[in-house]
């Protein structure tokens, strides 16, 4: 008479583990404390007549504020285009074997990173006191472009240039860090294939460096959005903060207008943060061990086909 193998196996199987969750009273205490403090602040702000919430709701959807938000977005996008293009060029110059290019890029970074952006914008605002007109053209020949520096368009252009040139110095260091993150073997392989230094940068190094460059670039974009409030130094008052300042300069109610401005900045920043998340997710493909939903479905289908065979 032989023993039942199933019964024998059951005798040696371990008993199921009864997991007891770890108690963390500190977390609950901290959460309750934070909720109480936030509730007290919200209640105090909502019941304080000095906040003038009626004025806040009145100007939150005001056309002048919305127009200022559009100008702020225009300043942000145009300045970042200049910063990314010039910053990439400066980063490549810093890594160039040409000593003249390296020295030129270093001096640029030294000047623009060593002086406050507000001071730079003030200097750009003083350009009309030095020149009446700015013209570009052929030397001793016809003028291709002429700008009246006393006009509002000139103030907008100076704001874009001032913000873009300053940001380019920081973007250069971000791009340089991304380039240095690419392994030396990639450059050696490109050289073995007969690529020149510039071809290696364009076709091999920069595409791989994007996954390192994108996250801090997104942060710089959000920072640029808020830095546009400094264009009041030009002076330029058509941006979001400038519009709010003009309004509370008339009705003498700065608190609700500043809250309106903060709400608009927060809303735009939130949208940019969502876009940054998906952009980082796109460029981080292939470096994470976690499978995507599409990869899991394909793996399940392949496993099902293998079992069917």
C-alpha atoms as a PDB file:
ATOM      1  CA  UNK A   1       0.000   0.000   0.000  1.00  0.00           C
ATOM      2  CA  UNK A   2       1.516   3.321  -1.085  1.00  0.00           C
ATOM      3  CA  UNK A   3       0.897   6.780   0.347  1.00  0.00           C
ATOM      4  CA  UNK A   4      -1.071   9.320  -1.590  1.00  0.00           C
ATOM      5  CA  UNK A   5       1.480  11.688  -3.219  1.00  0.00           C
ATOM      6  CA  UNK A   6      -0.931  14.621  -2.936  1.00  0.00           C
ATOM      7  CA  UNK A   7      -1.334  14.056   0.787  1.00  0.00           C
ATOM      8  CA  UNK A   8       2.452  13.790   1.213  1.00  0.00           C
ATOM      9  CA  UNK A   9       3.006  17.027  -0.697  1.00  0.00           C
ATOM     10  CA  UNK A  10       0.403  18.832   1.419  1.00  0.00           C
ATOM     11  CA  UNK A  11       2.219  17.828   4.616  1.00  0.00           C
ATOM     12  CA  UNK A  12       5.442  19.504   3.436  1.00  0.00           C
ATOM     13  CA  UNK A  13       3.859  22.655   2.042  1.00  0.00           C
ATOM     14  CA  UNK A  14       4.469  25.739   4.228  1.00  0.00           C
ATOM     15  CA  UNK A  15       1.542  27.418   5.858  1.00  0.00           C
ATOM     16  CA  UNK A  16       0.431  30.679   4.259  1.00  0.00           C
ATOM     17  CA  UNK A  17       2.092  33.750   5.730  1.00  0.00           C
ATOM     18  CA  UNK A  18      -0.213  36.059   7.626  1.00  0.00           C
ATOM     19  CA  UNK A  19       1.213  39.473   6.766  1.00  0.00           C
ATOM     20  CA  UNK A  20       0.545  42.191   9.314  1.00  0.00           C
ATOM     21  CA  UNK A  21       0.838  45.703   7.893  1.00  0.00           C
ATOM     22  CA  UNK A  22       3.329  47.954   9.630  1.00  0.00           C
ATOM     23  CA  UNK A  23       1.647  50.649  11.675  1.00  0.00           C
ATOM     24  CA  UNK A  24       2.814  54.169  10.948  1.00  0.00           C
ATOM     25  CA  UNK A  25       1.022  56.547  13.308  1.00  0.00           C
ATOM     26  CA  UNK A  26       3.442  59.336  12.417  1.00  0.00           C
ATOM     27  CA  UNK A  27       2.080  59.504   8.871  1.00  0.00           C
ATOM     28  CA  UNK A  28      -1.498  59.869  10.049  1.00  0.00           C
ATOM     29  CA  UNK A  29      -0.505  62.480  12.616  1.00  0.00           C
ATOM     30  CA  UNK A  30       1.377  64.510   9.997  1.00  0.00           C
ATOM     31  CA  UNK A  31      -1.530  64.245   7.534  1.00  0.00           C
ATOM     32  CA  UNK A  32      -4.051  65.423  10.141  1.00  0.00           C
ATOM     33  CA  UNK A  33      -1.791  68.300  11.187  1.00  0.00           C
ATOM     34  CA  UNK A  34      -1.311  69.452   7.587  1.00  0.00           C
ATOM     35  CA  UNK A  35      -5.048  69.237   6.863  1.00  0.00           C
ATOM     36  CA  UNK A  36      -5.829  71.285   9.973  1.00  0.00           C
ATOM     37  CA  UNK A  37      -3.303  73.984   9.056  1.00  0.00           C
ATOM     38  CA  UNK A  38      -4.519  74.142   5.444  1.00  0.00           C
ATOM     39  CA  UNK A  39      -8.137  74.283   6.591  1.00  0.00           C
ATOM     40  CA  UNK A  40      -7.406  77.126   9.009  1.00  0.00           C
ATOM     41  CA  UNK A  41      -5.584  79.085   6.304  1.00  0.00           C
ATOM     42  CA  UNK A  42      -8.333  78.569   3.717  1.00  0.00           C
ATOM     43  CA  UNK A  43     -11.047  79.517   6.194  1.00  0.00           C
ATOM     44  CA  UNK A  44      -9.158  82.611   7.303  1.00  0.00           C
ATOM     45  CA  UNK A  45      -8.518  83.729   3.722  1.00  0.00           C
ATOM     46  CA  UNK A  46     -12.110  83.054   2.647  1.00  0.00           C
ATOM     47  CA  UNK A  47     -13.597  85.061   5.519  1.00  0.00           C
ATOM     48  CA  UNK A  48     -11.104  87.942   5.396  1.00  0.00           C
ATOM     49  CA  UNK A  49     -12.707  90.884   3.547  1.00  0.00           C
ATOM     50  CA  UNK A  50      -9.291  92.409   2.826  1.00  0.00           C
ATOM     51  CA  UNK A  51      -8.695  89.784   0.134  1.00  0.00           C
ATOM     52  CA  UNK A  52     -11.580  91.242  -1.890  1.00  0.00           C
ATOM     53  CA  UNK A  53     -12.626  87.988  -3.514  1.00  0.00           C
ATOM     54  CA  UNK A  54     -15.329  89.821  -5.444  1.00  0.00           C
ATOM     55  CA  UNK A  55     -12.620  91.779  -7.262  1.00  0.00           C
ATOM     56  CA  UNK A  56     -10.640  88.562  -7.760  1.00  0.00           C
ATOM     57  CA  UNK A  57     -13.529  86.839  -9.558  1.00  0.00           C
ATOM     58  CA  UNK A  58     -14.251  89.986 -11.527  1.00  0.00           C
ATOM     59  CA  UNK A  59     -10.769  90.195 -13.059  1.00  0.00           C
ATOM     60  CA  UNK A  60      -9.958  86.482 -13.292  1.00  0.00           C
ATOM     61  CA  UNK A  61     -11.551  86.318 -16.760  1.00  0.00           C
ATOM     62  CA  UNK A  62     -10.906  89.909 -17.749  1.00  0.00           C
ATOM     63  CA  UNK A  63      -9.919  90.351 -21.402  1.00  0.00           C
ATOM     64  CA  UNK A  64      -6.914  92.487 -20.487  1.00  0.00           C
ATOM     65  CA  UNK A  65      -5.544  89.775 -18.203  1.00  0.00           C
ATOM     66  CA  UNK A  66      -6.114  87.128 -20.888  1.00  0.00           C
ATOM     67  CA  UNK A  67      -4.330  89.290 -23.469  1.00  0.00           C
ATOM     68  CA  UNK A  68      -1.426  89.679 -21.054  1.00  0.00           C
ATOM     69  CA  UNK A  69      -1.260  85.895 -20.644  1.00  0.00           C
ATOM     70  CA  UNK A  70      -0.969  85.538 -24.430  1.00  0.00           C
ATOM     71  CA  UNK A  71       1.922  88.025 -24.501  1.00  0.00           C
ATOM     72  CA  UNK A  72       3.600  86.123 -21.656  1.00  0.00           C
ATOM     73  CA  UNK A  73       3.358  82.888 -23.637  1.00  0.00           C
ATOM     74  CA  UNK A  74       4.784  84.610 -26.719  1.00  0.00           C
ATOM     75  CA  UNK A  75       7.723  85.933 -24.705  1.00  0.00           C
ATOM     76  CA  UNK A  76       8.319  82.489 -23.195  1.00  0.00           C
ATOM     77  CA  UNK A  77       8.241  80.577 -26.478  1.00  0.00           C
ATOM     78  CA  UNK A  78      10.350  83.035 -28.479  1.00  0.00           C
ATOM     79  CA  UNK A  79      12.935  83.446 -25.726  1.00  0.00           C
ATOM     80  CA  UNK A  80      13.256  79.672 -25.283  1.00  0.00           C
ATOM     81  CA  UNK A  81      13.683  79.166 -29.030  1.00  0.00           C
ATOM     82  CA  UNK A  82      16.617  81.583 -28.945  1.00  0.00           C
ATOM     83  CA  UNK A  83      17.962  79.985 -25.763  1.00  0.00           C
ATOM     84  CA  UNK A  84      17.822  76.401 -27.043  1.00  0.00           C
ATOM     85  CA  UNK A  85      19.349  77.220 -30.430  1.00  0.00           C
ATOM     86  CA  UNK A  86      22.093  79.446 -29.046  1.00  0.00           C
ATOM     87  CA  UNK A  87      22.665  77.256 -25.990  1.00  0.00           C
ATOM     88  CA  UNK A  88      23.200  74.165 -28.150  1.00  0.00           C
ATOM     89  CA  UNK A  89      25.648  76.106 -30.295  1.00  0.00           C
ATOM     90  CA  UNK A  90      27.540  77.326 -27.232  1.00  0.00           C
ATOM     91  CA  UNK A  91      27.669  73.805 -25.769  1.00  0.00           C
ATOM     92  CA  UNK A  92      29.156  72.434 -28.976  1.00  0.00           C
ATOM     93  CA  UNK A  93      31.632  75.331 -28.997  1.00  0.00           C
ATOM     94  CA  UNK A  94      32.654  74.513 -25.409  1.00  0.00           C
ATOM     95  CA  UNK A  95      33.444  70.942 -26.477  1.00  0.00           C
ATOM     96  CA  UNK A  96      35.043  71.904 -29.777  1.00  0.00           C
ATOM     97  CA  UNK A  97      38.725  71.137 -30.376  1.00  0.00           C
ATOM     98  CA  UNK A  98      39.049  74.722 -31.652  1.00  0.00           C
ATOM     99  CA  UNK A  99      40.494  76.845 -28.784  1.00  0.00           C
ATOM    100  CA  UNK A 100      39.028  80.082 -30.197  1.00  0.00           C
ATOM    101  CA  UNK A 101      35.500  78.668 -30.119  1.00  0.00           C
ATOM    102  CA  UNK A 102      36.012  77.290 -26.611  1.00  0.00           C
ATOM    103  CA  UNK A 103      37.272  80.640 -25.321  1.00  0.00           C
ATOM    104  CA  UNK A 104      34.438  82.569 -26.985  1.00  0.00           C
ATOM    105  CA  UNK A 105      31.797  80.303 -25.449  1.00  0.00           C
ATOM    106  CA  UNK A 106      33.445  80.533 -22.026  1.00  0.00           C
ATOM    107  CA  UNK A 107      33.459  84.345 -22.094  1.00  0.00           C
ATOM    108  CA  UNK A 108      29.792  84.393 -23.100  1.00  0.00           C
ATOM    109  CA  UNK A 109      28.824  82.115 -20.213  1.00  0.00           C
ATOM    110  CA  UNK A 110      30.984  84.118 -17.823  1.00  0.00           C
ATOM    111  CA  UNK A 111      29.203  87.380 -18.676  1.00  0.00           C
ATOM    112  CA  UNK A 112      25.596  86.223 -18.847  1.00  0.00           C
ATOM    113  CA  UNK A 113      25.738  83.843 -15.890  1.00  0.00           C
ATOM    114  CA  UNK A 114      27.714  86.310 -13.803  1.00  0.00           C
ATOM    115  CA  UNK A 115      25.229  89.195 -14.001  1.00  0.00           C
ATOM    116  CA  UNK A 116      21.574  89.243 -12.843  1.00  0.00           C
ATOM    117  CA  UNK A 117      18.952  88.916 -15.534  1.00  0.00           C
ATOM    118  CA  UNK A 118      17.135  91.969 -14.152  1.00  0.00           C
ATOM    119  CA  UNK A 119      20.236  94.108 -14.645  1.00  0.00           C
ATOM    120  CA  UNK A 120      20.580  92.808 -18.197  1.00  0.00           C
ATOM    121  CA  UNK A 121      16.944  93.678 -18.948  1.00  0.00           C
ATOM    122  CA  UNK A 122      17.429  97.177 -17.534  1.00  0.00           C
ATOM    123  CA  UNK A 123      20.396  97.646 -19.880  1.00  0.00           C
ATOM    124  CA  UNK A 124      18.296  96.468 -22.822  1.00  0.00           C
ATOM    125  CA  UNK A 125      15.659  98.977 -21.776  1.00  0.00           C
ATOM    126  CA  UNK A 126      18.260 101.757 -21.902  1.00  0.00           C
ATOM    127  CA  UNK A 127      19.178 101.035 -25.524  1.00  0.00           C
ATOM    128  CA  UNK A 128      16.781 103.784 -26.769  1.00  0.00           C
ATOM    129  CA  UNK A 129      18.852 106.322 -24.838  1.00  0.00           C
ATOM    130  CA  UNK A 130      21.922 105.243 -26.812  1.00  0.00           C
ATOM    131  CA  UNK A 131      20.466 104.700 -30.288  1.00  0.00           C
ATOM    132  CA  UNK A 132      17.440 106.109 -32.089  1.00  0.00           C
ATOM    133  CA  UNK A 133      17.387 103.451 -34.802  1.00  0.00           C
ATOM    134  CA  UNK A 134      18.904  99.998 -35.211  1.00  0.00           C
ATOM    135  CA  UNK A 135      19.536  98.918 -38.797  1.00  0.00           C
ATOM    136  CA  UNK A 136      20.896  95.780 -40.435  1.00  0.00           C
ATOM    137  CA  UNK A 137      22.183  95.764 -43.968  1.00  0.00           C
ATOM    138  CA  UNK A 138      25.133  95.609 -46.311  1.00  0.00           C
ATOM    139  CA  UNK A 139      28.078  97.799 -45.230  1.00  0.00           C
ATOM    140  CA  UNK A 140      27.997 101.038 -47.256  1.00  0.00           C
ATOM    141  CA  UNK A 141      24.975  99.562 -49.037  1.00  0.00           C
ATOM    142  CA  UNK A 142      21.208  99.256 -48.656  1.00  0.00           C
ATOM    143  CA  UNK A 143      19.558  98.606 -45.304  1.00  0.00           C
ATOM    144  CA  UNK A 144      17.718  95.304 -45.099  1.00  0.00           C
ATOM    145  CA  UNK A 145      16.053  95.859 -41.723  1.00  0.00           C
ATOM    146  CA  UNK A 146      15.495  98.982 -39.659  1.00  0.00           C
ATOM    147  CA  UNK A 147      13.873  99.155 -36.231  1.00  0.00           C
ATOM    148  CA  UNK A 148      12.675 102.213 -34.364  1.00  0.00           C
ATOM    149  CA  UNK A 149      13.853 101.503 -30.827  1.00  0.00           C
ATOM    150  CA  UNK A 150      11.327 103.946 -29.387  1.00  0.00           C
ATOM    151  CA  UNK A 151       8.329 101.811 -30.426  1.00  0.00           C
ATOM    152  CA  UNK A 152       6.431  99.178 -28.460  1.00  0.00           C
ATOM    153  CA  UNK A 153       7.549  96.489 -30.920  1.00  0.00           C
ATOM    154  CA  UNK A 154      11.148  97.364 -30.073  1.00  0.00           C
ATOM    155  CA  UNK A 155      10.447  96.914 -26.355  1.00  0.00           C
ATOM    156  CA  UNK A 156       8.952  93.483 -27.042  1.00  0.00           C
ATOM    157  CA  UNK A 157      11.950  92.546 -29.200  1.00  0.00           C
ATOM    158  CA  UNK A 158      14.387  93.708 -26.511  1.00  0.00           C
ATOM    159  CA  UNK A 159      12.516  91.625 -23.923  1.00  0.00           C
ATOM    160  CA  UNK A 160      12.731  88.500 -26.087  1.00  0.00           C
ATOM    161  CA  UNK A 161      16.412  89.068 -26.877  1.00  0.00           C
ATOM    162  CA  UNK A 162      17.322  89.849 -23.275  1.00  0.00           C
ATOM    163  CA  UNK A 163      15.561  86.789 -21.879  1.00  0.00           C
ATOM    164  CA  UNK A 164      16.815  84.524 -24.662  1.00  0.00           C
ATOM    165  CA  UNK A 165      20.466  85.546 -24.409  1.00  0.00           C
ATOM    166  CA  UNK A 166      20.486  85.107 -20.645  1.00  0.00           C
ATOM    167  CA  UNK A 167      18.778  81.722 -20.770  1.00  0.00           C
ATOM    168  CA  UNK A 168      21.148  80.523 -23.504  1.00  0.00           C
ATOM    169  CA  UNK A 169      24.011  80.587 -21.006  1.00  0.00           C
ATOM    170  CA  UNK A 170      22.192  78.111 -18.760  1.00  0.00           C
ATOM    171  CA  UNK A 171      20.943  75.978 -21.639  1.00  0.00           C
ATOM    172  CA  UNK A 172      24.535  75.660 -22.835  1.00  0.00           C
ATOM    173  CA  UNK A 173      25.524  73.955 -19.588  1.00  0.00           C
ATOM    174  CA  UNK A 174      22.478  71.673 -19.730  1.00  0.00           C
ATOM    175  CA  UNK A 175      23.272  70.590 -23.284  1.00  0.00           C
ATOM    176  CA  UNK A 176      26.954  70.154 -22.436  1.00  0.00           C
ATOM    177  CA  UNK A 177      26.044  67.886 -19.513  1.00  0.00           C
ATOM    178  CA  UNK A 178      23.804  65.856 -21.814  1.00  0.00           C
ATOM    179  CA  UNK A 179      26.562  65.497 -24.392  1.00  0.00           C
ATOM    180  CA  UNK A 180      29.049  64.402 -21.737  1.00  0.00           C
ATOM    181  CA  UNK A 181      26.582  61.759 -20.520  1.00  0.00           C
ATOM    182  CA  UNK A 182      26.927  59.853 -23.807  1.00  0.00           C
ATOM    183  CA  UNK A 183      29.574  57.161 -23.559  1.00  0.00           C
ATOM    184  CA  UNK A 184      32.950  57.680 -25.180  1.00  0.00           C
ATOM    185  CA  UNK A 185      32.481  54.440 -27.072  1.00  0.00           C
ATOM    186  CA  UNK A 186      29.700  56.043 -29.106  1.00  0.00           C
ATOM    187  CA  UNK A 187      32.089  58.714 -30.361  1.00  0.00           C
ATOM    188  CA  UNK A 188      34.776  56.141 -31.057  1.00  0.00           C
ATOM    189  CA  UNK A 189      32.334  54.015 -33.052  1.00  0.00           C
ATOM    190  CA  UNK A 190      31.273  57.045 -35.104  1.00  0.00           C
ATOM    191  CA  UNK A 191      34.898  57.911 -35.784  1.00  0.00           C
ATOM    192  CA  UNK A 192      35.546  54.326 -36.864  1.00  0.00           C
ATOM    193  CA  UNK A 193      32.683  54.666 -39.354  1.00  0.00           C
ATOM    194  CA  UNK A 194      34.396  57.674 -40.901  1.00  0.00           C
ATOM    195  CA  UNK A 195      32.185  60.408 -39.431  1.00  0.00           C
ATOM    196  CA  UNK A 196      33.631  63.833 -38.794  1.00  0.00           C
ATOM    197  CA  UNK A 197      33.389  65.550 -35.410  1.00  0.00           C
ATOM    198  CA  UNK A 198      30.363  67.616 -36.459  1.00  0.00           C
ATOM    199  CA  UNK A 199      28.614  64.576 -37.965  1.00  0.00           C
ATOM    200  CA  UNK A 200      29.216  62.623 -34.765  1.00  0.00           C
ATOM    201  CA  UNK A 201      27.598  65.401 -32.756  1.00  0.00           C
ATOM    202  CA  UNK A 202      24.561  65.709 -35.028  1.00  0.00           C
ATOM    203  CA  UNK A 203      23.883  62.035 -35.752  1.00  0.00           C
ATOM    204  CA  UNK A 204      25.165  60.135 -32.722  1.00  0.00           C
ATOM    205  CA  UNK A 205      25.724  62.221 -29.612  1.00  0.00           C
ATOM    206  CA  UNK A 206      22.909  64.792 -29.560  1.00  0.00           C
ATOM    207  CA  UNK A 207      20.063  62.301 -30.229  1.00  0.00           C
ATOM    208  CA  UNK A 208      21.221  60.141 -27.314  1.00  0.00           C
ATOM    209  CA  UNK A 209      21.773  63.164 -25.079  1.00  0.00           C
ATOM    210  CA  UNK A 210      18.138  64.246 -25.410  1.00  0.00           C
ATOM    211  CA  UNK A 211      16.955  61.985 -22.578  1.00  0.00           C
ATOM    212  CA  UNK A 212      19.304  63.876 -20.253  1.00  0.00           C
ATOM    213  CA  UNK A 213      18.623  67.315 -21.747  1.00  0.00           C
ATOM    214  CA  UNK A 214      14.806  67.215 -21.792  1.00  0.00           C
ATOM    215  CA  UNK A 215      14.017  67.195 -18.008  1.00  0.00           C
ATOM    216  CA  UNK A 216      16.088  70.273 -17.062  1.00  0.00           C
ATOM    217  CA  UNK A 217      14.972  72.020 -20.254  1.00  0.00           C
ATOM    218  CA  UNK A 218      11.362  71.590 -19.163  1.00  0.00           C
ATOM    219  CA  UNK A 219      12.253  73.115 -15.817  1.00  0.00           C
ATOM    220  CA  UNK A 220      13.942  76.031 -17.564  1.00  0.00           C
ATOM    221  CA  UNK A 221      10.834  76.560 -19.710  1.00  0.00           C
ATOM    222  CA  UNK A 222       8.669  76.812 -16.606  1.00  0.00           C
ATOM    223  CA  UNK A 223      11.214  79.121 -15.004  1.00  0.00           C
ATOM    224  CA  UNK A 224      11.249  81.279 -18.138  1.00  0.00           C
ATOM    225  CA  UNK A 225       7.469  81.638 -17.965  1.00  0.00           C
ATOM    226  CA  UNK A 226       7.792  83.179 -14.507  1.00  0.00           C
ATOM    227  CA  UNK A 227      10.889  85.205 -15.370  1.00  0.00           C
ATOM    228  CA  UNK A 228       8.899  87.087 -18.019  1.00  0.00           C
ATOM    229  CA  UNK A 229       7.433  89.101 -15.138  1.00  0.00           C
ATOM    230  CA  UNK A 230      10.789  90.919 -15.011  1.00  0.00           C
ATOM    231  CA  UNK A 231      10.270  92.538 -18.425  1.00  0.00           C
ATOM    232  CA  UNK A 232       8.871  95.463 -16.484  1.00  0.00           C
ATOM    233  CA  UNK A 233      12.522  96.551 -16.378  1.00  0.00           C
ATOM    234  CA  UNK A 234      12.530  97.201 -20.165  1.00  0.00           C
ATOM    235  CA  UNK A 235       9.873  98.658 -19.514  1.00  0.00           C
ATOM    236  CA  UNK A 236       7.209  96.431 -21.109  1.00  0.00           C
ATOM    237  CA  UNK A 237       3.765  96.334 -19.523  1.00  0.00           C
ATOM    238  CA  UNK A 238       1.753  94.232 -21.972  1.00  0.00           C
ATOM    239  CA  UNK A 239       2.583  90.911 -20.307  1.00  0.00           C
ATOM    240  CA  UNK A 240       0.455  89.203 -17.653  1.00  0.00           C
ATOM    241  CA  UNK A 241       2.053  90.855 -14.638  1.00  0.00           C
ATOM    242  CA  UNK A 242       2.257  94.214 -16.406  1.00  0.00           C
ATOM    243  CA  UNK A 243      -1.464  94.173 -17.190  1.00  0.00           C
ATOM    244  CA  UNK A 244      -2.324  93.353 -13.583  1.00  0.00           C
ATOM    245  CA  UNK A 245       0.006  96.072 -12.339  1.00  0.00           C
ATOM    246  CA  UNK A 246      -1.630  98.652 -14.604  1.00  0.00           C
ATOM    247  CA  UNK A 247      -5.080  97.672 -13.320  1.00  0.00           C
ATOM    248  CA  UNK A 248      -4.232  97.806  -9.621  1.00  0.00           C
ATOM    249  CA  UNK A 249      -2.391 101.055 -10.251  1.00  0.00           C
ATOM    250  CA  UNK A 250      -5.809 102.519 -11.065  1.00  0.00           C
ATOM    251  CA  UNK A 251      -8.124 100.801  -8.558  1.00  0.00           C
ATOM    252  CA  UNK A 252      -5.481 100.537  -5.775  1.00  0.00           C
ATOM    253  CA  UNK A 253      -6.368  96.888  -5.065  1.00  0.00           C
ATOM    254  CA  UNK A 254      -3.065  95.009  -5.529  1.00  0.00           C
ATOM    255  CA  UNK A 255      -3.907  91.898  -3.483  1.00  0.00           C
ATOM    256  CA  UNK A 256      -6.789  90.509  -5.603  1.00  0.00           C
ATOM    257  CA  UNK A 257      -4.992  91.417  -8.845  1.00  0.00           C
ATOM    258  CA  UNK A 258      -1.811  89.676  -7.717  1.00  0.00           C
ATOM    259  CA  UNK A 259      -3.873  86.613  -6.792  1.00  0.00           C
ATOM    260  CA  UNK A 260      -5.381  86.679 -10.287  1.00  0.00           C
ATOM    261  CA  UNK A 261      -1.884  86.835 -11.767  1.00  0.00           C
ATOM    262  CA  UNK A 262      -0.696  83.953  -9.583  1.00  0.00           C
ATOM    263  CA  UNK A 263      -3.703  81.863 -10.648  1.00  0.00           C
ATOM    264  CA  UNK A 264      -2.939  82.377 -14.332  1.00  0.00           C
ATOM    265  CA  UNK A 265       0.749  81.552 -13.853  1.00  0.00           C
ATOM    266  CA  UNK A 266      -0.181  78.429 -11.890  1.00  0.00           C
ATOM    267  CA  UNK A 267      -2.641  77.270 -14.561  1.00  0.00           C
ATOM    268  CA  UNK A 268      -0.155  77.717 -17.416  1.00  0.00           C
ATOM    269  CA  UNK A 269       2.629  76.079 -15.412  1.00  0.00           C
ATOM    270  CA  UNK A 270       0.403  73.073 -14.675  1.00  0.00           C
ATOM    271  CA  UNK A 271      -0.219  72.544 -18.385  1.00  0.00           C
ATOM    272  CA  UNK A 272       3.511  72.793 -19.106  1.00  0.00           C
ATOM    273  CA  UNK A 273       4.280  70.264 -16.372  1.00  0.00           C
ATOM    274  CA  UNK A 274       1.890  67.744 -17.939  1.00  0.00           C
ATOM    275  CA  UNK A 275       3.553  68.219 -21.322  1.00  0.00           C
ATOM    276  CA  UNK A 276       6.977  67.851 -19.724  1.00  0.00           C
ATOM    277  CA  UNK A 277       5.923  64.549 -18.131  1.00  0.00           C
ATOM    278  CA  UNK A 278       4.864  62.985 -21.424  1.00  0.00           C
ATOM    279  CA  UNK A 279       7.927  64.345 -23.231  1.00  0.00           C
ATOM    280  CA  UNK A 280      10.238  62.820 -20.629  1.00  0.00           C
ATOM    281  CA  UNK A 281       8.329  59.557 -20.877  1.00  0.00           C
ATOM    282  CA  UNK A 282       8.787  59.540 -24.654  1.00  0.00           C
ATOM    283  CA  UNK A 283      12.552  60.098 -24.544  1.00  0.00           C
ATOM    284  CA  UNK A 284      13.097  57.636 -21.675  1.00  0.00           C
ATOM    285  CA  UNK A 285      11.934  54.690 -23.765  1.00  0.00           C
ATOM    286  CA  UNK A 286      14.371  51.801 -23.748  1.00  0.00           C
ATOM    287  CA  UNK A 287      16.145  52.648 -20.483  1.00  0.00           C
ATOM    288  CA  UNK A 288      13.528  51.376 -18.030  1.00  0.00           C
ATOM    289  CA  UNK A 289      12.975  47.707 -17.172  1.00  0.00           C
ATOM    290  CA  UNK A 290       9.281  48.351 -16.609  1.00  0.00           C
ATOM    291  CA  UNK A 291       7.240  47.158 -19.582  1.00  0.00           C
ATOM    292  CA  UNK A 292       4.646  49.410 -21.135  1.00  0.00           C
ATOM    293  CA  UNK A 293       1.016  48.352 -21.584  1.00  0.00           C
ATOM    294  CA  UNK A 294       1.617  47.735 -25.286  1.00  0.00           C
ATOM    295  CA  UNK A 295       4.662  45.561 -24.578  1.00  0.00           C
ATOM    296  CA  UNK A 296       2.721  43.562 -21.986  1.00  0.00           C
ATOM    297  CA  UNK A 297      -0.086  42.911 -24.486  1.00  0.00           C
ATOM    298  CA  UNK A 298       2.384  41.791 -27.152  1.00  0.00           C
ATOM    299  CA  UNK A 299       4.123  39.524 -24.647  1.00  0.00           C
ATOM    300  CA  UNK A 300       0.802  37.986 -23.594  1.00  0.00           C
ATOM    301  CA  UNK A 301      -0.189  37.391 -27.217  1.00  0.00           C
ATOM    302  CA  UNK A 302       3.153  35.745 -27.970  1.00  0.00           C
ATOM    303  CA  UNK A 303       2.831  33.537 -24.883  1.00  0.00           C
ATOM    304  CA  UNK A 304      -0.682  32.501 -25.917  1.00  0.00           C
ATOM    305  CA  UNK A 305       0.463  31.606 -29.421  1.00  0.00           C
ATOM    306  CA  UNK A 306       3.341  29.541 -28.021  1.00  0.00           C
ATOM    307  CA  UNK A 307       1.008  27.571 -25.753  1.00  0.00           C
ATOM    308  CA  UNK A 308      -1.403  26.968 -28.641  1.00  0.00           C
ATOM    309  CA  UNK A 309       1.395  25.340 -30.638  1.00  0.00           C
END
